Amino acid sequence: VSLHGAAIGRLAKNPNVVSVEYNALYTATMSQSLDIISAAAAWAGGASDTNAGAGIKVGILDTGIDYRHPFLQPTAGMTYPAGFPKCDENDMVGGSCTNVSRKVIVARVFTNKENQLGATAFPVDGEDHGTHVSGTVAGKVMTAPTVDGVALAGKVSGVAPGAQLGNYNVLYNGSGRSEDILNGVEAAVLDGMDVLNLSLGLQVLTNGLFPVLDRRAARRQSGS
């Protein structure tokens, strides 16, 4: 519903309307991650093997995922789950999905200018936040890190390297509207993602998107 600021109060009072929220603009952000999910404790409990997270599908709602990244390569024996890969028309060539792999099993993009821009789920140059988040979630065990082609000491692993990822590019070119994000959430739920990661926020805090997501999550948990 597009009201251009008019009659919002009247619409909000309609008994058939749960709430009315502004279509705000969100950008990528992540101040902390591992501590929130107690990753260290999980790994100490034996979750640090190659198959940790196997069978779990994690939807990444962000700036897109570079499925070619060395840290996001499939582990040995990883296959597509039944019904995958999944994609939208923008990520399809000759009837087959592109920008997917046995690790990144979904490719979808959400922006109101996707047709004009020729947008796909693959990240725009310089927008690597979604790829970074994906590595944190499910990067391949014992990958040798490099920065700008320079090898670093040591090896890195994602929290759940056996998990598979859904790429929902809702922050195309670095930002996305509430509408884009909610469409991405709905698609991820319908695609059968088990967990959703949204590392995004606003510079000015408003109710906006988050109460809507809370209500959607509650409905999902109740099976409705």
C-alpha atoms as a PDB file:
ATOM      1  CA  VAL A   1       0.000   0.000   0.000  1.00  0.00           C
ATOM      2  CA  SER A   2       1.476   3.355  -1.048  1.00  0.00           C
ATOM      3  CA  LEU A   3      -0.003   6.300   0.861  1.00  0.00           C
ATOM      4  CA  HIS A   4       2.674   8.974   0.395  1.00  0.00           C
ATOM      5  CA  GLY A   5       2.292   9.921   4.059  1.00  0.00           C
ATOM      6  CA  ALA A   6      -1.452  10.500   3.881  1.00  0.00           C
ATOM      7  CA  ALA A   7      -4.101   8.720   5.940  1.00  0.00           C
ATOM      8  CA  ILE A   8      -1.573   6.621   7.870  1.00  0.00           C
ATOM      9  CA  GLY A   9      -3.405   7.122  11.161  1.00  0.00           C
ATOM     10  CA  ARG A  10      -6.709   6.084   9.620  1.00  0.00           C
ATOM     11  CA  LEU A  11      -5.168   2.967   8.099  1.00  0.00           C
ATOM     12  CA  ALA A  12      -3.495   2.009  11.404  1.00  0.00           C
ATOM     13  CA  LYS A  13      -6.899   2.088  13.144  1.00  0.00           C
ATOM     14  CA  ASN A  14      -8.392  -0.388  10.680  1.00  0.00           C
ATOM     15  CA  PRO A  15      -9.176  -3.616  12.605  1.00  0.00           C
ATOM     16  CA  ASN A  16      -7.700  -5.658   9.749  1.00  0.00           C
ATOM     17  CA  VAL A  17      -4.309  -3.916  10.027  1.00  0.00           C
ATOM     18  CA  VAL A  18      -1.745  -5.150  12.545  1.00  0.00           C
ATOM     19  CA  SER A  19       0.611  -2.182  12.220  1.00  0.00           C
ATOM     20  CA  VAL A  20       1.816   0.501   9.833  1.00  0.00           C
ATOM     21  CA  GLU A  21       5.564   1.055   9.496  1.00  0.00           C
ATOM     22  CA  TYR A  22       7.690   3.339   7.353  1.00  0.00           C
ATOM     23  CA  ASN A  23       9.664   1.829   4.475  1.00  0.00           C
ATOM     24  CA  ALA A  24      13.085   2.658   5.954  1.00  0.00           C
ATOM     25  CA  LEU A  25      16.520   2.267   4.368  1.00  0.00           C
ATOM     26  CA  TYR A  26      18.901  -0.245   5.964  1.00  0.00           C
ATOM     27  CA  THR A  27      22.617  -0.828   5.525  1.00  0.00           C
ATOM     28  CA  ALA A  28      25.000  -3.664   6.417  1.00  0.00           C
ATOM     29  CA  THR A  29      26.391  -3.702   9.946  1.00  0.00           C
ATOM     30  CA  MET A  30      27.901  -6.247  12.336  1.00  0.00           C
ATOM     31  CA  SER A  31      29.515  -5.189  15.612  1.00  0.00           C
ATOM     32  CA  GLN A  32      29.882  -8.692  17.056  1.00  0.00           C
ATOM     33  CA  SER A  33      28.895 -12.218  16.168  1.00  0.00           C
ATOM     34  CA  LEU A  34      30.671 -15.171  17.780  1.00  0.00           C
ATOM     35  CA  ASP A  35      29.992 -14.084  21.371  1.00  0.00           C
ATOM     36  CA  ILE A  36      26.273 -13.663  20.722  1.00  0.00           C
ATOM     37  CA  ILE A  37      25.848 -17.292  19.664  1.00  0.00           C
ATOM     38  CA  SER A  38      28.391 -18.700  22.173  1.00  0.00           C
ATOM     39  CA  ALA A  39      30.480 -20.116  19.336  1.00  0.00           C
ATOM     40  CA  ALA A  40      33.513 -20.813  21.517  1.00  0.00           C
ATOM     41  CA  ALA A  41      31.435 -22.922  23.919  1.00  0.00           C
ATOM     42  CA  ALA A  42      29.900 -24.849  21.023  1.00  0.00           C
ATOM     43  CA  TRP A  43      33.296 -25.631  19.568  1.00  0.00           C
ATOM     44  CA  ALA A  44      34.639 -26.653  22.960  1.00  0.00           C
ATOM     45  CA  GLY A  45      31.738 -29.081  23.161  1.00  0.00           C
ATOM     46  CA  GLY A  46      32.888 -30.884  20.034  1.00  0.00           C
ATOM     47  CA  ALA A  47      31.192 -28.869  17.280  1.00  0.00           C
ATOM     48  CA  SER A  48      34.445 -27.956  15.555  1.00  0.00           C
ATOM     49  CA  ASP A  49      34.614 -30.784  13.031  1.00  0.00           C
ATOM     50  CA  THR A  50      34.223 -30.492   9.259  1.00  0.00           C
ATOM     51  CA  ASN A  51      30.586 -31.580   9.328  1.00  0.00           C
ATOM     52  CA  ALA A  52      29.408 -29.247  12.087  1.00  0.00           C
ATOM     53  CA  GLY A  53      26.119 -27.763  10.898  1.00  0.00           C
ATOM     54  CA  ALA A  54      25.531 -30.473   8.282  1.00  0.00           C
ATOM     55  CA  GLY A  55      21.899 -30.573   7.166  1.00  0.00           C
ATOM     56  CA  ILE A  56      21.244 -26.985   8.275  1.00  0.00           C
ATOM     57  CA  LYS A  57      20.388 -24.303   5.720  1.00  0.00           C
ATOM     58  CA  VAL A  58      21.242 -20.713   6.702  1.00  0.00           C
ATOM     59  CA  GLY A  59      19.717 -17.805   4.794  1.00  0.00           C
ATOM     60  CA  ILE A  60      22.103 -14.845   4.531  1.00  0.00           C
ATOM     61  CA  LEU A  61      20.121 -11.615   3.969  1.00  0.00           C
ATOM     62  CA  ASP A  62      22.867  -9.174   3.113  1.00  0.00           C
ATOM     63  CA  THR A  63      24.805  -7.679   0.177  1.00  0.00           C
ATOM     64  CA  GLY A  64      25.116 -10.978  -1.695  1.00  0.00           C
ATOM     65  CA  ILE A  65      27.539 -13.903  -1.538  1.00  0.00           C
ATOM     66  CA  ASP A  66      30.541 -14.550  -3.784  1.00  0.00           C
ATOM     67  CA  TYR A  67      30.051 -18.294  -4.120  1.00  0.00           C
ATOM     68  CA  ARG A  68      33.483 -18.569  -5.797  1.00  0.00           C
ATOM     69  CA  HIS A  69      35.364 -17.444  -2.683  1.00  0.00           C
ATOM     70  CA  PRO A  70      37.901 -20.064  -1.462  1.00  0.00           C
ATOM     71  CA  PHE A  71      36.438 -19.909   2.049  1.00  0.00           C
ATOM     72  CA  LEU A  72      32.990 -20.824   0.716  1.00  0.00           C
ATOM     73  CA  GLN A  73      33.830 -23.929  -1.259  1.00  0.00           C
ATOM     74  CA  PRO A  74      31.803 -27.103  -0.602  1.00  0.00           C
ATOM     75  CA  THR A  75      33.238 -29.637   1.788  1.00  0.00           C
ATOM     76  CA  ALA A  76      33.962 -33.128   0.487  1.00  0.00           C
ATOM     77  CA  GLY A  77      30.768 -35.057  -0.186  1.00  0.00           C
ATOM     78  CA  MET A  78      28.467 -32.026   0.066  1.00  0.00           C
ATOM     79  CA  THR A  79      25.501 -32.285  -2.318  1.00  0.00           C
ATOM     80  CA  TYR A  80      22.440 -30.200  -3.122  1.00  0.00           C
ATOM     81  CA  PRO A  81      19.465 -30.956  -0.846  1.00  0.00           C
ATOM     82  CA  ALA A  82      16.324 -32.193  -2.568  1.00  0.00           C
ATOM     83  CA  GLY A  83      14.623 -29.362  -4.449  1.00  0.00           C
ATOM     84  CA  PHE A  84      17.755 -27.229  -4.705  1.00  0.00           C
ATOM     85  CA  PRO A  85      19.343 -25.137  -6.122  1.00  0.00           C
ATOM     86  CA  LYS A  86      16.743 -22.369  -6.118  1.00  0.00           C
ATOM     87  CA  CYS A  87      16.913 -18.965  -7.780  1.00  0.00           C
ATOM     88  CA  ASP A  88      14.882 -16.180  -9.350  1.00  0.00           C
ATOM     89  CA  GLU A  89      14.810 -15.214 -13.037  1.00  0.00           C
ATOM     90  CA  ASN A  90      17.645 -12.724 -12.579  1.00  0.00           C
ATOM     91  CA  ASP A  91      19.930 -15.590 -11.525  1.00  0.00           C
ATOM     92  CA  MET A  92      18.962 -18.039 -14.242  1.00  0.00           C
ATOM     93  CA  VAL A  93      20.521 -18.757 -17.626  1.00  0.00           C
ATOM     94  CA  GLY A  94      19.050 -21.268 -20.036  1.00  0.00           C
ATOM     95  CA  GLY A  95      16.662 -22.542 -17.395  1.00  0.00           C
ATOM     96  CA  SER A  96      19.450 -23.289 -14.903  1.00  0.00           C
ATOM     97  CA  CYS A  97      20.431 -21.388 -11.758  1.00  0.00           C
ATOM     98  CA  THR A  98      23.624 -19.358 -11.770  1.00  0.00           C
ATOM     99  CA  ASN A  99      25.577 -17.877  -8.836  1.00  0.00           C
ATOM    100  CA  VAL A 100      25.016 -21.085  -6.880  1.00  0.00           C
ATOM    101  CA  SER A 101      27.119 -24.043  -5.773  1.00  0.00           C
ATOM    102  CA  ARG A 102      26.764 -27.083  -3.547  1.00  0.00           C
ATOM    103  CA  LYS A 103      27.597 -24.668  -0.698  1.00  0.00           C
ATOM    104  CA  VAL A 104      25.517 -21.641  -1.732  1.00  0.00           C
ATOM    105  CA  ILE A 105      22.283 -23.316  -2.763  1.00  0.00           C
ATOM    106  CA  VAL A 106      19.987 -20.315  -3.318  1.00  0.00           C
ATOM    107  CA  ALA A 107      20.493 -17.112  -5.331  1.00  0.00           C
ATOM    108  CA  ARG A 108      17.852 -14.358  -5.147  1.00  0.00           C
ATOM    109  CA  VAL A 109      18.005 -10.569  -5.338  1.00  0.00           C
ATOM    110  CA  PHE A 110      15.533  -8.022  -3.927  1.00  0.00           C
ATOM    111  CA  THR A 111      15.597  -4.419  -5.098  1.00  0.00           C
ATOM    112  CA  ASN A 112      12.946  -2.242  -6.711  1.00  0.00           C
ATOM    113  CA  LYS A 113      15.341  -1.537  -9.594  1.00  0.00           C
ATOM    114  CA  GLU A 114      16.482  -5.082 -10.306  1.00  0.00           C
ATOM    115  CA  ASN A 115      15.236  -5.055 -13.896  1.00  0.00           C
ATOM    116  CA  GLN A 116      16.691  -1.633 -14.758  1.00  0.00           C
ATOM    117  CA  LEU A 117      20.010  -2.503 -13.151  1.00  0.00           C
ATOM    118  CA  GLY A 118      20.181  -6.085 -14.338  1.00  0.00           C
ATOM    119  CA  ALA A 119      20.714  -6.963 -10.690  1.00  0.00           C
ATOM    120  CA  THR A 120      21.580 -10.493  -9.594  1.00  0.00           C
ATOM    121  CA  ALA A 121      22.262 -12.100  -6.244  1.00  0.00           C
ATOM    122  CA  PHE A 122      26.014 -11.873  -6.880  1.00  0.00           C
ATOM    123  CA  PRO A 123      27.486  -8.954  -4.890  1.00  0.00           C
ATOM    124  CA  VAL A 124      28.272  -5.653  -6.548  1.00  0.00           C
ATOM    125  CA  ASP A 125      32.005  -4.872  -6.721  1.00  0.00           C
ATOM    126  CA  GLY A 126      33.200  -3.645  -3.330  1.00  0.00           C
ATOM    127  CA  GLU A 127      30.164  -4.969  -1.451  1.00  0.00           C
ATOM    128  CA  ASP A 128      31.748  -7.931   0.319  1.00  0.00           C
ATOM    129  CA  HIS A 129      29.892  -7.776   3.647  1.00  0.00           C
ATOM    130  CA  GLY A 130      27.585 -10.669   2.766  1.00  0.00           C
ATOM    131  CA  THR A 131      30.540 -12.831   1.746  1.00  0.00           C
ATOM    132  CA  HIS A 132      32.313 -11.970   5.010  1.00  0.00           C
ATOM    133  CA  VAL A 133      29.248 -12.876   7.073  1.00  0.00           C
ATOM    134  CA  SER A 134      28.854 -16.130   5.138  1.00  0.00           C
ATOM    135  CA  GLY A 135      32.428 -17.090   5.959  1.00  0.00           C
ATOM    136  CA  THR A 136      31.817 -16.434   9.635  1.00  0.00           C
ATOM    137  CA  VAL A 137      28.737 -18.649   9.517  1.00  0.00           C
ATOM    138  CA  ALA A 138      29.940 -21.569   7.420  1.00  0.00           C
ATOM    139  CA  GLY A 139      33.446 -21.065   6.031  1.00  0.00           C
ATOM    140  CA  LYS A 140      35.356 -24.212   5.068  1.00  0.00           C
ATOM    141  CA  VAL A 141      37.462 -25.767   7.834  1.00  0.00           C
ATOM    142  CA  MET A 142      41.192 -24.997   7.845  1.00  0.00           C
ATOM    143  CA  THR A 143      41.242 -22.563   4.932  1.00  0.00           C
ATOM    144  CA  ALA A 144      44.449 -20.611   4.397  1.00  0.00           C
ATOM    145  CA  PRO A 145      43.492 -16.894   4.547  1.00  0.00           C
ATOM    146  CA  THR A 146      44.657 -14.294   2.051  1.00  0.00           C
ATOM    147  CA  VAL A 147      44.144 -10.531   1.916  1.00  0.00           C
ATOM    148  CA  ASP A 148      44.549  -8.831  -1.476  1.00  0.00           C
ATOM    149  CA  GLY A 149      46.429 -11.875  -2.691  1.00  0.00           C
ATOM    150  CA  VAL A 150      48.822 -11.955   0.271  1.00  0.00           C
ATOM    151  CA  ALA A 151      48.820 -15.198   2.294  1.00  0.00           C
ATOM    152  CA  LEU A 152      48.458 -14.824   6.061  1.00  0.00           C
ATOM    153  CA  ALA A 153      49.720 -17.138   8.757  1.00  0.00           C
ATOM    154  CA  GLY A 154      47.418 -19.751  10.247  1.00  0.00           C
ATOM    155  CA  LYS A 155      44.128 -21.264   9.109  1.00  0.00           C
ATOM    156  CA  VAL A 156      40.510 -20.136   9.518  1.00  0.00           C
ATOM    157  CA  SER A 157      37.141 -21.905   9.806  1.00  0.00           C
ATOM    158  CA  GLY A 158      33.517 -20.885   9.943  1.00  0.00           C
ATOM    159  CA  VAL A 159      31.355 -21.639  12.968  1.00  0.00           C
ATOM    160  CA  ALA A 160      29.316 -24.328  11.164  1.00  0.00           C
ATOM    161  CA  PRO A 161      31.364 -25.415   8.130  1.00  0.00           C
ATOM    162  CA  GLY A 162      28.959 -28.210   7.244  1.00  0.00           C
ATOM    163  CA  ALA A 163      25.989 -25.852   6.827  1.00  0.00           C
ATOM    164  CA  GLN A 164      24.739 -24.702   3.429  1.00  0.00           C
ATOM    165  CA  LEU A 165      23.823 -21.133   2.569  1.00  0.00           C
ATOM    166  CA  GLY A 166      21.011 -19.279   0.885  1.00  0.00           C
ATOM    167  CA  ASN A 167      22.015 -16.016  -0.797  1.00  0.00           C
ATOM    168  CA  TYR A 168      19.272 -13.396  -0.412  1.00  0.00           C
ATOM    169  CA  ASN A 169      20.721 -10.121  -1.681  1.00  0.00           C
ATOM    170  CA  VAL A 170      18.472  -7.592   0.069  1.00  0.00           C
ATOM    171  CA  LEU A 171      21.165  -4.883   0.396  1.00  0.00           C
ATOM    172  CA  TYR A 172      21.957  -4.522  -3.278  1.00  0.00           C
ATOM    173  CA  ASN A 173      24.776  -2.014  -3.743  1.00  0.00           C
ATOM    174  CA  GLY A 174      25.011  -1.627   0.033  1.00  0.00           C
ATOM    175  CA  SER A 175      21.505  -0.721   1.149  1.00  0.00           C
ATOM    176  CA  GLY A 176      17.952  -1.982   1.048  1.00  0.00           C
ATOM    177  CA  ARG A 177      14.440  -0.910   1.967  1.00  0.00           C
ATOM    178  CA  SER A 178      12.242  -2.548   4.573  1.00  0.00           C
ATOM    179  CA  GLU A 179      10.173  -3.892   1.681  1.00  0.00           C
ATOM    180  CA  ASP A 180      13.169  -5.594   0.062  1.00  0.00           C
ATOM    181  CA  ILE A 181      14.234  -7.167   3.353  1.00  0.00           C
ATOM    182  CA  LEU A 182      10.768  -8.431   4.230  1.00  0.00           C
ATOM    183  CA  ASN A 183      10.423  -9.924   0.740  1.00  0.00           C
ATOM    184  CA  GLY A 184      13.755 -11.634   1.283  1.00  0.00           C
ATOM    185  CA  VAL A 185      12.660 -13.005   4.660  1.00  0.00           C
ATOM    186  CA  GLU A 186       9.448 -14.354   3.166  1.00  0.00           C
ATOM    187  CA  ALA A 187      11.334 -16.013   0.299  1.00  0.00           C
ATOM    188  CA  ALA A 188      13.866 -17.558   2.682  1.00  0.00           C
ATOM    189  CA  VAL A 189      11.112 -19.024   4.849  1.00  0.00           C
ATOM    190  CA  LEU A 190       9.314 -20.427   1.811  1.00  0.00           C
ATOM    191  CA  ASP A 191      12.597 -21.850   0.507  1.00  0.00           C
ATOM    192  CA  GLY A 192      12.965 -23.823   3.741  1.00  0.00           C
ATOM    193  CA  MET A 193      15.880 -22.042   5.388  1.00  0.00           C
ATOM    194  CA  ASP A 194      16.353 -23.226   8.976  1.00  0.00           C
ATOM    195  CA  VAL A 195      18.128 -20.089  10.235  1.00  0.00           C
ATOM    196  CA  LEU A 196      18.199 -16.498   8.957  1.00  0.00           C
ATOM    197  CA  ASN A 197      21.078 -14.073   9.448  1.00  0.00           C
ATOM    198  CA  LEU A 198      20.396 -10.343   9.080  1.00  0.00           C
ATOM    199  CA  SER A 199      23.497  -8.292   9.855  1.00  0.00           C
ATOM    200  CA  LEU A 200      21.916  -4.938   9.091  1.00  0.00           C
ATOM    201  CA  GLY A 201      20.592  -1.858  10.818  1.00  0.00           C
ATOM    202  CA  LEU A 202      19.650   1.812  10.774  1.00  0.00           C
ATOM    203  CA  GLN A 203      21.659   4.855  11.740  1.00  0.00           C
ATOM    204  CA  VAL A 204      18.547   6.155  13.509  1.00  0.00           C
ATOM    205  CA  LEU A 205      16.673   3.567  15.559  1.00  0.00           C
ATOM    206  CA  THR A 206      12.978   3.231  14.791  1.00  0.00           C
ATOM    207  CA  ASN A 207      10.488   0.450  15.371  1.00  0.00           C
ATOM    208  CA  GLY A 208      10.271  -0.176  11.627  1.00  0.00           C
ATOM    209  CA  LEU A 209      11.278  -3.597  10.437  1.00  0.00           C
ATOM    210  CA  PHE A 210      12.055  -5.433  13.649  1.00  0.00           C
ATOM    211  CA  PRO A 211       8.546  -5.776  15.164  1.00  0.00           C
ATOM    212  CA  VAL A 212       7.363  -7.143  11.816  1.00  0.00           C
ATOM    213  CA  LEU A 213      10.157  -9.727  11.838  1.00  0.00           C
ATOM    214  CA  ASP A 214       9.380 -10.631  15.445  1.00  0.00           C
ATOM    215  CA  ARG A 215       5.749 -11.267  14.560  1.00  0.00           C
ATOM    216  CA  ARG A 216       6.762 -13.353  11.519  1.00  0.00           C
ATOM    217  CA  ALA A 217       9.119 -15.411  13.663  1.00  0.00           C
ATOM    218  CA  ALA A 218       6.406 -15.989  16.259  1.00  0.00           C
ATOM    219  CA  ARG A 219       4.031 -17.188  13.547  1.00  0.00           C
ATOM    220  CA  ARG A 220       6.712 -19.515  12.206  1.00  0.00           C
ATOM    221  CA  GLN A 221       7.332 -21.005  15.654  1.00  0.00           C
ATOM    222  CA  SER A 222       3.620 -21.559  16.200  1.00  0.00           C
ATOM    223  CA  GLY A 223       3.336 -23.279  12.820  1.00  0.00           C
ATOM    224  CA  SER A 224       0.915 -20.733  11.363  1.00  0.00           C
END
